[in-house]
């Protein structure tokens, strides 16, 4: 028990320190390259924090476990918006850039609908995967071209002082990002594994463990990063990380997984697709109304997530 608790605390420490390093490194990189922190959040940070989803989904696809591969992505996407953005907004209100409202969130909604449409024949095959994976390349190109309309890093309100001090050291920015991502992945794995062991010691049901601890496990890097970024007033990285991760999860990870091995979606309920699309649509007006995600919006998102988990528990 003592060893398990120690591993749990080590995992938590790695998550916090990894998120801190990643946010500082990403902010400094944006300054150094003269591009918007939003683009860094949508791409570099989003791809990095989606590493656990990639590992789980690819492994599940190769083993022929389509439910895990699909459930991992769809469950993570729901948690990313409803739980993580909700929690981050409740802790620290965040302003929302216009390009997120007019471009990125609509793209996320469209990508979610695309996945649902492709799965209507109860199968995601190689061509479906190729279409989605081609989409991630187009998305990166689109985001880079339109990043010029975002607020450039040099005009953003004081980013953390460390970022400004480090902006002339590109190698150190990249080192911070790499070390931060490694710590996030390792910390998330330690935290999930030890939490499962603790839950079993207290005779908590396997179903509840799966729906809570394990289901949220691959979203821990996004959670740590977005909360730390929000506290550090790096709103573009906090929100961009979530929106970008959801797009990467579908187009990049599910696309790649489907190309490796066809995914059967017959056993995967339509409610989960609808929930994923619905929460993405709900985020749009919440972000649009006041151009910010405040504590009220955060509470709305968290309430929706609690209702979704409650419904899943009733079904089991």
C-alpha atoms as a PDB file:
ATOM      1  CA  UNK A   1       0.000   0.000   0.000  1.00  0.00           C
ATOM      2  CA  UNK A   2       2.829   2.404   0.919  1.00  0.00           C
ATOM      3  CA  UNK A   3       4.602   1.682  -2.379  1.00  0.00           C
ATOM      4  CA  UNK A   4       1.368   2.243  -4.332  1.00  0.00           C
ATOM      5  CA  UNK A   5       0.741   5.565  -2.571  1.00  0.00           C
ATOM      6  CA  UNK A   6       4.346   6.610  -3.239  1.00  0.00           C
ATOM      7  CA  UNK A   7       3.957   5.810  -6.952  1.00  0.00           C
ATOM      8  CA  UNK A   8       0.681   7.757  -6.996  1.00  0.00           C
ATOM      9  CA  UNK A   9       2.370  10.840  -5.521  1.00  0.00           C
ATOM     10  CA  UNK A  10       5.335  10.464  -7.901  1.00  0.00           C
ATOM     11  CA  UNK A  11       2.932  10.325 -10.826  1.00  0.00           C
ATOM     12  CA  UNK A  12       1.164  13.468  -9.614  1.00  0.00           C
ATOM     13  CA  UNK A  13       4.499  15.254  -9.188  1.00  0.00           C
ATOM     14  CA  UNK A  14       5.605  14.247 -12.692  1.00  0.00           C
ATOM     15  CA  UNK A  15       2.315  15.505 -14.163  1.00  0.00           C
ATOM     16  CA  UNK A  16       2.567  18.903 -12.505  1.00  0.00           C
ATOM     17  CA  UNK A  17       6.269  19.411 -13.261  1.00  0.00           C
ATOM     18  CA  UNK A  18       5.842  18.097 -16.820  1.00  0.00           C
ATOM     19  CA  UNK A  19       2.945  20.462 -17.496  1.00  0.00           C
ATOM     20  CA  UNK A  20       4.945  23.368 -16.075  1.00  0.00           C
ATOM     21  CA  UNK A  21       7.925  22.598 -18.305  1.00  0.00           C
ATOM     22  CA  UNK A  22       5.738  22.093 -21.378  1.00  0.00           C
ATOM     23  CA  UNK A  23       3.854  25.390 -20.933  1.00  0.00           C
ATOM     24  CA  UNK A  24       7.053  27.363 -20.340  1.00  0.00           C
ATOM     25  CA  UNK A  25       8.809  25.707 -23.265  1.00  0.00           C
ATOM     26  CA  UNK A  26       5.837  26.181 -25.600  1.00  0.00           C
ATOM     27  CA  UNK A  27       5.458  29.849 -24.632  1.00  0.00           C
ATOM     28  CA  UNK A  28       9.166  30.446 -25.193  1.00  0.00           C
ATOM     29  CA  UNK A  29       9.071  28.650 -28.542  1.00  0.00           C
ATOM     30  CA  UNK A  30       6.203  30.850 -29.710  1.00  0.00           C
ATOM     31  CA  UNK A  31       8.194  33.926 -28.725  1.00  0.00           C
ATOM     32  CA  UNK A  32      11.350  32.628 -30.370  1.00  0.00           C
ATOM     33  CA  UNK A  33       9.620  31.826 -33.687  1.00  0.00           C
ATOM     34  CA  UNK A  34       7.403  34.905 -33.618  1.00  0.00           C
ATOM     35  CA  UNK A  35       4.201  32.906 -34.056  1.00  0.00           C
ATOM     36  CA  UNK A  36       1.058  32.812 -31.969  1.00  0.00           C
ATOM     37  CA  UNK A  37       0.895  30.706 -28.797  1.00  0.00           C
ATOM     38  CA  UNK A  38      -2.447  29.451 -30.148  1.00  0.00           C
ATOM     39  CA  UNK A  39      -0.720  27.724 -33.089  1.00  0.00           C
ATOM     40  CA  UNK A  40       1.765  26.108 -30.688  1.00  0.00           C
ATOM     41  CA  UNK A  41      -1.133  24.924 -28.530  1.00  0.00           C
ATOM     42  CA  UNK A  42      -3.059  23.559 -31.502  1.00  0.00           C
ATOM     43  CA  UNK A  43      -0.090  21.645 -32.920  1.00  0.00           C
ATOM     44  CA  UNK A  44       3.045  21.012 -30.833  1.00  0.00           C
ATOM     45  CA  UNK A  45       1.303  20.812 -27.447  1.00  0.00           C
ATOM     46  CA  UNK A  46      -1.790  19.027 -28.822  1.00  0.00           C
ATOM     47  CA  UNK A  47       0.261  16.328 -30.567  1.00  0.00           C
ATOM     48  CA  UNK A  48       2.425  15.844 -27.499  1.00  0.00           C
ATOM     49  CA  UNK A  49      -0.386  15.504 -24.959  1.00  0.00           C
ATOM     50  CA  UNK A  50      -2.172  13.054 -27.292  1.00  0.00           C
ATOM     51  CA  UNK A  51       0.731  10.586 -27.045  1.00  0.00           C
ATOM     52  CA  UNK A  52      -1.071   8.335 -24.489  1.00  0.00           C
ATOM     53  CA  UNK A  53      -4.164   8.136 -26.729  1.00  0.00           C
ATOM     54  CA  UNK A  54      -1.911   7.178 -29.647  1.00  0.00           C
ATOM     55  CA  UNK A  55      -0.215   4.394 -27.695  1.00  0.00           C
ATOM     56  CA  UNK A  56      -3.482   2.934 -26.367  1.00  0.00           C
ATOM     57  CA  UNK A  57      -5.439   3.172 -29.637  1.00  0.00           C
ATOM     58  CA  UNK A  58      -2.718   1.748 -31.879  1.00  0.00           C
ATOM     59  CA  UNK A  59      -2.051  -1.127 -29.478  1.00  0.00           C
ATOM     60  CA  UNK A  60      -5.796  -1.864 -29.211  1.00  0.00           C
ATOM     61  CA  UNK A  61      -6.229  -1.726 -33.004  1.00  0.00           C
ATOM     62  CA  UNK A  62      -3.362  -4.160 -33.594  1.00  0.00           C
ATOM     63  CA  UNK A  63      -4.855  -6.546 -31.021  1.00  0.00           C
ATOM     64  CA  UNK A  64      -8.258  -6.318 -32.709  1.00  0.00           C
ATOM     65  CA  UNK A  65      -9.935  -4.581 -29.765  1.00  0.00           C
ATOM     66  CA  UNK A  66     -11.908  -1.926 -31.648  1.00  0.00           C
ATOM     67  CA  UNK A  67     -14.047  -0.940 -28.661  1.00  0.00           C
ATOM     68  CA  UNK A  68     -11.016   0.142 -26.651  1.00  0.00           C
ATOM     69  CA  UNK A  69      -9.509   2.016 -29.578  1.00  0.00           C
ATOM     70  CA  UNK A  70     -12.735   3.908 -30.334  1.00  0.00           C
ATOM     71  CA  UNK A  71     -13.765   4.294 -26.701  1.00  0.00           C
ATOM     72  CA  UNK A  72     -10.372   5.702 -25.783  1.00  0.00           C
ATOM     73  CA  UNK A  73     -10.619   8.478 -28.390  1.00  0.00           C
ATOM     74  CA  UNK A  74     -14.305   9.339 -28.007  1.00  0.00           C
ATOM     75  CA  UNK A  75     -14.162   9.181 -24.211  1.00  0.00           C
ATOM     76  CA  UNK A  76     -11.040  11.355 -24.154  1.00  0.00           C
ATOM     77  CA  UNK A  77     -12.610  13.935 -26.474  1.00  0.00           C
ATOM     78  CA  UNK A  78     -15.682  14.220 -24.255  1.00  0.00           C
ATOM     79  CA  UNK A  79     -13.545  14.505 -21.121  1.00  0.00           C
ATOM     80  CA  UNK A  80     -11.201  17.033 -22.746  1.00  0.00           C
ATOM     81  CA  UNK A  81     -13.990  19.548 -23.291  1.00  0.00           C
ATOM     82  CA  UNK A  82     -16.530  18.856 -20.545  1.00  0.00           C
ATOM     83  CA  UNK A  83     -14.171  17.942 -17.710  1.00  0.00           C
ATOM     84  CA  UNK A  84     -10.809  19.553 -18.475  1.00  0.00           C
ATOM     85  CA  UNK A  85     -11.914  22.849 -20.030  1.00  0.00           C
ATOM     86  CA  UNK A  86     -14.685  23.015 -17.447  1.00  0.00           C
ATOM     87  CA  UNK A  87     -12.245  22.538 -14.597  1.00  0.00           C
ATOM     88  CA  UNK A  88      -9.681  24.957 -16.057  1.00  0.00           C
ATOM     89  CA  UNK A  89     -12.350  27.658 -16.552  1.00  0.00           C
ATOM     90  CA  UNK A  90     -13.651  27.133 -13.017  1.00  0.00           C
ATOM     91  CA  UNK A  91     -10.132  27.608 -11.618  1.00  0.00           C
ATOM     92  CA  UNK A  92      -9.135  30.505 -13.880  1.00  0.00           C
ATOM     93  CA  UNK A  93     -11.430  32.187 -16.461  1.00  0.00           C
ATOM     94  CA  UNK A  94      -9.917  32.236 -19.976  1.00  0.00           C
ATOM     95  CA  UNK A  95     -10.338  34.595 -22.908  1.00  0.00           C
ATOM     96  CA  UNK A  96     -11.093  32.995 -26.285  1.00  0.00           C
ATOM     97  CA  UNK A  97      -9.483  34.217 -29.512  1.00  0.00           C
ATOM     98  CA  UNK A  98     -11.768  34.966 -32.448  1.00  0.00           C
ATOM     99  CA  UNK A  99     -10.006  32.401 -34.667  1.00  0.00           C
ATOM    100  CA  UNK A 100     -10.905  29.666 -32.180  1.00  0.00           C
ATOM    101  CA  UNK A 101     -14.583  30.598 -32.463  1.00  0.00           C
ATOM    102  CA  UNK A 102     -14.690  31.126 -36.226  1.00  0.00           C
ATOM    103  CA  UNK A 103     -12.250  28.412 -37.360  1.00  0.00           C
ATOM    104  CA  UNK A 104     -10.927  25.871 -34.856  1.00  0.00           C
ATOM    105  CA  UNK A 105     -14.059  24.946 -32.887  1.00  0.00           C
ATOM    106  CA  UNK A 106     -16.147  24.578 -36.093  1.00  0.00           C
ATOM    107  CA  UNK A 107     -13.370  22.342 -37.508  1.00  0.00           C
ATOM    108  CA  UNK A 108     -13.505  20.219 -34.334  1.00  0.00           C
ATOM    109  CA  UNK A 109     -17.288  19.905 -34.684  1.00  0.00           C
ATOM    110  CA  UNK A 110     -16.966  19.004 -38.371  1.00  0.00           C
ATOM    111  CA  UNK A 111     -14.292  16.382 -37.673  1.00  0.00           C
ATOM    112  CA  UNK A 112     -16.478  14.827 -34.949  1.00  0.00           C
ATOM    113  CA  UNK A 113     -19.415  14.614 -37.360  1.00  0.00           C
ATOM    114  CA  UNK A 114     -17.118  13.131 -40.030  1.00  0.00           C
ATOM    115  CA  UNK A 115     -16.102  10.312 -37.669  1.00  0.00           C
ATOM    116  CA  UNK A 116     -19.749   9.555 -36.918  1.00  0.00           C
ATOM    117  CA  UNK A 117     -20.651   9.466 -40.627  1.00  0.00           C
ATOM    118  CA  UNK A 118     -17.698   7.221 -41.485  1.00  0.00           C
ATOM    119  CA  UNK A 119     -18.724   4.809 -38.726  1.00  0.00           C
ATOM    120  CA  UNK A 120     -22.348   4.457 -39.850  1.00  0.00           C
ATOM    121  CA  UNK A 121     -21.445   1.334 -41.841  1.00  0.00           C
ATOM    122  CA  UNK A 122     -20.110  -0.058 -38.518  1.00  0.00           C
ATOM    123  CA  UNK A 123     -16.544  -0.198 -39.786  1.00  0.00           C
ATOM    124  CA  UNK A 124     -13.566   2.115 -40.099  1.00  0.00           C
ATOM    125  CA  UNK A 125     -11.376   0.643 -42.823  1.00  0.00           C
ATOM    126  CA  UNK A 126      -8.139   1.600 -44.558  1.00  0.00           C
ATOM    127  CA  UNK A 127      -9.757   4.161 -46.885  1.00  0.00           C
ATOM    128  CA  UNK A 128     -11.573   5.782 -43.950  1.00  0.00           C
ATOM    129  CA  UNK A 129      -8.273   5.967 -42.107  1.00  0.00           C
ATOM    130  CA  UNK A 130      -6.490   7.392 -45.123  1.00  0.00           C
ATOM    131  CA  UNK A 131      -9.145  10.085 -45.479  1.00  0.00           C
ATOM    132  CA  UNK A 132      -8.834  11.056 -41.812  1.00  0.00           C
ATOM    133  CA  UNK A 133      -5.042  10.970 -41.814  1.00  0.00           C
ATOM    134  CA  UNK A 134      -4.959  13.164 -44.937  1.00  0.00           C
ATOM    135  CA  UNK A 135      -7.193  15.527 -42.997  1.00  0.00           C
ATOM    136  CA  UNK A 136      -4.628  16.019 -40.239  1.00  0.00           C
ATOM    137  CA  UNK A 137      -2.017  17.092 -42.792  1.00  0.00           C
ATOM    138  CA  UNK A 138      -4.489  19.555 -44.323  1.00  0.00           C
ATOM    139  CA  UNK A 139      -5.409  20.797 -40.839  1.00  0.00           C
ATOM    140  CA  UNK A 140      -1.810  21.560 -39.873  1.00  0.00           C
ATOM    141  CA  UNK A 141      -1.269  23.422 -43.139  1.00  0.00           C
ATOM    142  CA  UNK A 142      -4.515  25.378 -42.674  1.00  0.00           C
ATOM    143  CA  UNK A 143      -3.683  26.299 -39.062  1.00  0.00           C
ATOM    144  CA  UNK A 144      -0.213  27.528 -39.997  1.00  0.00           C
ATOM    145  CA  UNK A 145      -1.478  29.676 -42.887  1.00  0.00           C
ATOM    146  CA  UNK A 146      -4.181  31.266 -40.768  1.00  0.00           C
ATOM    147  CA  UNK A 147      -2.017  31.734 -37.664  1.00  0.00           C
ATOM    148  CA  UNK A 148      -0.947  35.106 -39.066  1.00  0.00           C
ATOM    149  CA  UNK A 149      -4.381  36.478 -38.099  1.00  0.00           C
ATOM    150  CA  UNK A 150      -3.861  35.487 -34.462  1.00  0.00           C
ATOM    151  CA  UNK A 151      -2.238  37.694 -31.873  1.00  0.00           C
ATOM    152  CA  UNK A 152       1.512  37.220 -32.357  1.00  0.00           C
ATOM    153  CA  UNK A 153       3.508  36.041 -29.407  1.00  0.00           C
ATOM    154  CA  UNK A 154       5.381  39.331 -29.095  1.00  0.00           C
ATOM    155  CA  UNK A 155       2.088  41.176 -28.477  1.00  0.00           C
ATOM    156  CA  UNK A 156       0.544  38.795 -25.993  1.00  0.00           C
ATOM    157  CA  UNK A 157       0.314  40.034 -22.418  1.00  0.00           C
ATOM    158  CA  UNK A 158       3.347  39.150 -20.435  1.00  0.00           C
ATOM    159  CA  UNK A 159       3.981  35.572 -20.938  1.00  0.00           C
ATOM    160  CA  UNK A 160       5.860  34.055 -18.079  1.00  0.00           C
ATOM    161  CA  UNK A 161       9.163  35.774 -17.377  1.00  0.00           C
ATOM    162  CA  UNK A 162      11.053  32.552 -17.879  1.00  0.00           C
ATOM    163  CA  UNK A 163       9.714  32.324 -21.432  1.00  0.00           C
ATOM    164  CA  UNK A 164      11.025  35.774 -22.258  1.00  0.00           C
ATOM    165  CA  UNK A 165      14.411  34.933 -20.776  1.00  0.00           C
ATOM    166  CA  UNK A 166      14.610  31.697 -22.737  1.00  0.00           C
ATOM    167  CA  UNK A 167      13.354  32.929 -26.099  1.00  0.00           C
ATOM    168  CA  UNK A 168      16.897  33.310 -27.473  1.00  0.00           C
ATOM    169  CA  UNK A 169      17.744  29.687 -26.672  1.00  0.00           C
ATOM    170  CA  UNK A 170      15.858  27.545 -29.156  1.00  0.00           C
ATOM    171  CA  UNK A 171      17.553  24.332 -28.057  1.00  0.00           C
ATOM    172  CA  UNK A 172      16.484  24.914 -24.459  1.00  0.00           C
ATOM    173  CA  UNK A 173      12.872  25.612 -25.502  1.00  0.00           C
ATOM    174  CA  UNK A 174      12.808  22.274 -27.334  1.00  0.00           C
ATOM    175  CA  UNK A 175      14.463  20.528 -24.382  1.00  0.00           C
ATOM    176  CA  UNK A 176      11.803  21.879 -22.014  1.00  0.00           C
ATOM    177  CA  UNK A 177       9.013  20.732 -24.348  1.00  0.00           C
ATOM    178  CA  UNK A 178      10.550  17.270 -24.771  1.00  0.00           C
ATOM    179  CA  UNK A 179      11.201  16.817 -21.047  1.00  0.00           C
ATOM    180  CA  UNK A 180       7.722  18.105 -20.219  1.00  0.00           C
ATOM    181  CA  UNK A 181       6.028  15.670 -22.600  1.00  0.00           C
ATOM    182  CA  UNK A 182       8.081  12.740 -21.295  1.00  0.00           C
ATOM    183  CA  UNK A 183       7.179  13.634 -17.704  1.00  0.00           C
ATOM    184  CA  UNK A 184       3.483  13.953 -18.615  1.00  0.00           C
ATOM    185  CA  UNK A 185       3.346  10.521 -20.255  1.00  0.00           C
ATOM    186  CA  UNK A 186       5.314   8.828 -17.446  1.00  0.00           C
ATOM    187  CA  UNK A 187       3.350  10.640 -14.731  1.00  0.00           C
ATOM    188  CA  UNK A 188       0.012   9.784 -16.313  1.00  0.00           C
ATOM    189  CA  UNK A 189       0.936   6.109 -16.541  1.00  0.00           C
ATOM    190  CA  UNK A 190       2.127   5.976 -12.903  1.00  0.00           C
ATOM    191  CA  UNK A 191      -0.924   7.825 -11.644  1.00  0.00           C
ATOM    192  CA  UNK A 192      -3.430   5.627 -13.488  1.00  0.00           C
ATOM    193  CA  UNK A 193      -1.783   2.303 -12.585  1.00  0.00           C
ATOM    194  CA  UNK A 194      -1.397   3.196  -8.914  1.00  0.00           C
ATOM    195  CA  UNK A 195      -4.920   4.654  -8.711  1.00  0.00           C
ATOM    196  CA  UNK A 196      -6.351   1.406 -10.119  1.00  0.00           C
ATOM    197  CA  UNK A 197      -4.441  -0.584  -7.478  1.00  0.00           C
ATOM    198  CA  UNK A 198      -5.695   1.703  -4.691  1.00  0.00           C
ATOM    199  CA  UNK A 199      -9.271   1.395  -5.984  1.00  0.00           C
ATOM    200  CA  UNK A 200      -9.008  -2.400  -6.000  1.00  0.00           C
ATOM    201  CA  UNK A 201      -7.694  -2.402  -2.439  1.00  0.00           C
ATOM    202  CA  UNK A 202     -10.914  -0.652  -1.407  1.00  0.00           C
ATOM    203  CA  UNK A 203     -13.037  -3.119  -3.416  1.00  0.00           C
ATOM    204  CA  UNK A 204     -14.256  -0.512  -5.906  1.00  0.00           C
ATOM    205  CA  UNK A 205     -15.885  -2.264  -8.862  1.00  0.00           C
ATOM    206  CA  UNK A 206     -13.952  -2.876 -12.073  1.00  0.00           C
ATOM    207  CA  UNK A 207     -16.718  -1.116 -14.017  1.00  0.00           C
ATOM    208  CA  UNK A 208     -16.408   2.050 -11.963  1.00  0.00           C
ATOM    209  CA  UNK A 209     -12.610   1.922 -12.239  1.00  0.00           C
ATOM    210  CA  UNK A 210     -12.852   1.596 -16.000  1.00  0.00           C
ATOM    211  CA  UNK A 211     -15.359   4.434 -16.397  1.00  0.00           C
ATOM    212  CA  UNK A 212     -13.445   6.839 -14.179  1.00  0.00           C
ATOM    213  CA  UNK A 213      -9.753   6.237 -13.528  1.00  0.00           C
ATOM    214  CA  UNK A 214      -8.776   4.328 -16.667  1.00  0.00           C
ATOM    215  CA  UNK A 215     -11.074   6.276 -19.017  1.00  0.00           C
ATOM    216  CA  UNK A 216      -9.590   9.554 -17.846  1.00  0.00           C
ATOM    217  CA  UNK A 217      -6.047   8.251 -17.740  1.00  0.00           C
ATOM    218  CA  UNK A 218      -5.057   9.172 -21.276  1.00  0.00           C
ATOM    219  CA  UNK A 219      -6.492  12.681 -20.772  1.00  0.00           C
ATOM    220  CA  UNK A 220      -4.277  13.468 -17.773  1.00  0.00           C
ATOM    221  CA  UNK A 221      -1.558  15.197 -19.868  1.00  0.00           C
ATOM    222  CA  UNK A 222      -4.181  17.494 -21.428  1.00  0.00           C
ATOM    223  CA  UNK A 223      -5.656  18.171 -17.984  1.00  0.00           C
ATOM    224  CA  UNK A 224      -2.352  19.060 -16.350  1.00  0.00           C
ATOM    225  CA  UNK A 225      -1.217  21.178 -19.296  1.00  0.00           C
ATOM    226  CA  UNK A 226      -4.458  23.146 -19.703  1.00  0.00           C
ATOM    227  CA  UNK A 227      -4.879  23.842 -15.984  1.00  0.00           C
ATOM    228  CA  UNK A 228      -1.266  25.009 -15.582  1.00  0.00           C
ATOM    229  CA  UNK A 229      -1.545  27.091 -18.773  1.00  0.00           C
ATOM    230  CA  UNK A 230      -4.771  28.716 -17.519  1.00  0.00           C
ATOM    231  CA  UNK A 231      -3.188  29.547 -14.163  1.00  0.00           C
ATOM    232  CA  UNK A 232      -0.167  30.989 -16.028  1.00  0.00           C
ATOM    233  CA  UNK A 233      -2.543  33.162 -18.110  1.00  0.00           C
ATOM    234  CA  UNK A 234      -1.558  31.247 -21.257  1.00  0.00           C
ATOM    235  CA  UNK A 235      -5.183  30.995 -22.405  1.00  0.00           C
ATOM    236  CA  UNK A 236      -4.346  30.228 -26.045  1.00  0.00           C
ATOM    237  CA  UNK A 237      -2.248  27.230 -25.043  1.00  0.00           C
ATOM    238  CA  UNK A 238      -4.857  26.052 -22.505  1.00  0.00           C
ATOM    239  CA  UNK A 239      -7.763  26.092 -24.969  1.00  0.00           C
ATOM    240  CA  UNK A 240      -5.725  25.354 -28.102  1.00  0.00           C
ATOM    241  CA  UNK A 241      -4.329  22.239 -26.435  1.00  0.00           C
ATOM    242  CA  UNK A 242      -7.846  20.827 -25.949  1.00  0.00           C
ATOM    243  CA  UNK A 243      -9.308  21.767 -29.336  1.00  0.00           C
ATOM    244  CA  UNK A 244      -6.150  20.645 -31.141  1.00  0.00           C
ATOM    245  CA  UNK A 245      -5.969  17.375 -29.184  1.00  0.00           C
ATOM    246  CA  UNK A 246      -9.567  16.498 -30.080  1.00  0.00           C
ATOM    247  CA  UNK A 247      -8.864  17.077 -33.776  1.00  0.00           C
ATOM    248  CA  UNK A 248      -5.573  15.145 -33.597  1.00  0.00           C
ATOM    249  CA  UNK A 249      -7.284  12.286 -31.738  1.00  0.00           C
ATOM    250  CA  UNK A 250      -9.786  11.728 -34.540  1.00  0.00           C
ATOM    251  CA  UNK A 251      -7.902  12.613 -37.711  1.00  0.00           C
ATOM    252  CA  UNK A 252      -4.419  11.580 -36.665  1.00  0.00           C
ATOM    253  CA  UNK A 253      -4.763   8.774 -34.134  1.00  0.00           C
ATOM    254  CA  UNK A 254      -7.975   7.064 -35.290  1.00  0.00           C
ATOM    255  CA  UNK A 255      -6.928   7.648 -38.900  1.00  0.00           C
ATOM    256  CA  UNK A 256      -3.572   5.979 -38.311  1.00  0.00           C
ATOM    257  CA  UNK A 257      -5.123   3.162 -36.262  1.00  0.00           C
ATOM    258  CA  UNK A 258      -7.705   2.434 -38.990  1.00  0.00           C
ATOM    259  CA  UNK A 259      -4.969   2.264 -41.612  1.00  0.00           C
ATOM    260  CA  UNK A 260      -3.067  -0.281 -39.511  1.00  0.00           C
ATOM    261  CA  UNK A 261      -6.093  -2.459 -38.787  1.00  0.00           C
ATOM    262  CA  UNK A 262      -9.818  -2.002 -39.609  1.00  0.00           C
ATOM    263  CA  UNK A 263     -11.918  -1.000 -36.613  1.00  0.00           C
ATOM    264  CA  UNK A 264     -15.371  -2.517 -36.157  1.00  0.00           C
ATOM    265  CA  UNK A 265     -17.799  -0.099 -34.543  1.00  0.00           C
ATOM    266  CA  UNK A 266     -20.868  -2.353 -34.342  1.00  0.00           C
ATOM    267  CA  UNK A 267     -20.550  -2.770 -30.564  1.00  0.00           C
ATOM    268  CA  UNK A 268     -19.964   0.910 -29.961  1.00  0.00           C
ATOM    269  CA  UNK A 269     -23.190   2.747 -29.072  1.00  0.00           C
ATOM    270  CA  UNK A 270     -24.343   5.728 -31.120  1.00  0.00           C
ATOM    271  CA  UNK A 271     -24.957   7.656 -27.898  1.00  0.00           C
ATOM    272  CA  UNK A 272     -21.221   8.102 -27.442  1.00  0.00           C
ATOM    273  CA  UNK A 273     -20.798   9.660 -30.892  1.00  0.00           C
ATOM    274  CA  UNK A 274     -23.776  11.939 -30.222  1.00  0.00           C
ATOM    275  CA  UNK A 275     -22.332  12.931 -26.831  1.00  0.00           C
ATOM    276  CA  UNK A 276     -18.964  13.768 -28.420  1.00  0.00           C
ATOM    277  CA  UNK A 277     -20.584  15.882 -31.155  1.00  0.00           C
ATOM    278  CA  UNK A 278     -23.026  17.458 -28.693  1.00  0.00           C
ATOM    279  CA  UNK A 279     -20.395  18.640 -26.218  1.00  0.00           C
ATOM    280  CA  UNK A 280     -18.331  20.099 -29.074  1.00  0.00           C
ATOM    281  CA  UNK A 281     -21.404  22.023 -30.277  1.00  0.00           C
ATOM    282  CA  UNK A 282     -22.197  23.227 -26.732  1.00  0.00           C
ATOM    283  CA  UNK A 283     -18.678  24.647 -26.380  1.00  0.00           C
ATOM    284  CA  UNK A 284     -19.226  26.908 -29.420  1.00  0.00           C
ATOM    285  CA  UNK A 285     -21.904  29.281 -27.984  1.00  0.00           C
ATOM    286  CA  UNK A 286     -20.275  29.134 -24.533  1.00  0.00           C
ATOM    287  CA  UNK A 287     -17.056  30.484 -26.058  1.00  0.00           C
ATOM    288  CA  UNK A 288     -18.865  32.898 -28.412  1.00  0.00           C
ATOM    289  CA  UNK A 289     -21.168  34.740 -25.968  1.00  0.00           C
ATOM    290  CA  UNK A 290     -18.567  36.744 -24.042  1.00  0.00           C
ATOM    291  CA  UNK A 291     -15.422  35.683 -25.906  1.00  0.00           C
ATOM    292  CA  UNK A 292     -14.331  33.974 -22.715  1.00  0.00           C
ATOM    293  CA  UNK A 293     -14.821  30.810 -20.720  1.00  0.00           C
ATOM    294  CA  UNK A 294     -15.617  31.922 -17.209  1.00  0.00           C
ATOM    295  CA  UNK A 295     -16.572  30.098 -14.046  1.00  0.00           C
ATOM    296  CA  UNK A 296     -20.235  29.897 -15.080  1.00  0.00           C
ATOM    297  CA  UNK A 297     -19.301  28.242 -18.393  1.00  0.00           C
ATOM    298  CA  UNK A 298     -16.913  25.947 -16.523  1.00  0.00           C
ATOM    299  CA  UNK A 299     -19.707  24.901 -14.169  1.00  0.00           C
ATOM    300  CA  UNK A 300     -22.020  24.174 -17.129  1.00  0.00           C
ATOM    301  CA  UNK A 301     -19.385  21.952 -18.774  1.00  0.00           C
ATOM    302  CA  UNK A 302     -18.634  20.077 -15.548  1.00  0.00           C
ATOM    303  CA  UNK A 303     -22.351  19.505 -14.926  1.00  0.00           C
ATOM    304  CA  UNK A 304     -22.735  18.035 -18.424  1.00  0.00           C
ATOM    305  CA  UNK A 305     -19.805  15.699 -17.830  1.00  0.00           C
ATOM    306  CA  UNK A 306     -21.178  14.577 -14.454  1.00  0.00           C
ATOM    307  CA  UNK A 307     -24.546  13.839 -16.101  1.00  0.00           C
ATOM    308  CA  UNK A 308     -22.838  11.838 -18.871  1.00  0.00           C
ATOM    309  CA  UNK A 309     -20.836   9.706 -16.422  1.00  0.00           C
ATOM    310  CA  UNK A 310     -23.944   9.207 -14.261  1.00  0.00           C
ATOM    311  CA  UNK A 311     -25.844   7.952 -17.292  1.00  0.00           C
ATOM    312  CA  UNK A 312     -23.046   5.527 -18.153  1.00  0.00           C
ATOM    313  CA  UNK A 313     -23.054   4.224 -14.577  1.00  0.00           C
ATOM    314  CA  UNK A 314     -26.791   3.629 -14.734  1.00  0.00           C
ATOM    315  CA  UNK A 315     -26.341   1.617 -17.923  1.00  0.00           C
ATOM    316  CA  UNK A 316     -23.761  -0.730 -16.392  1.00  0.00           C
END
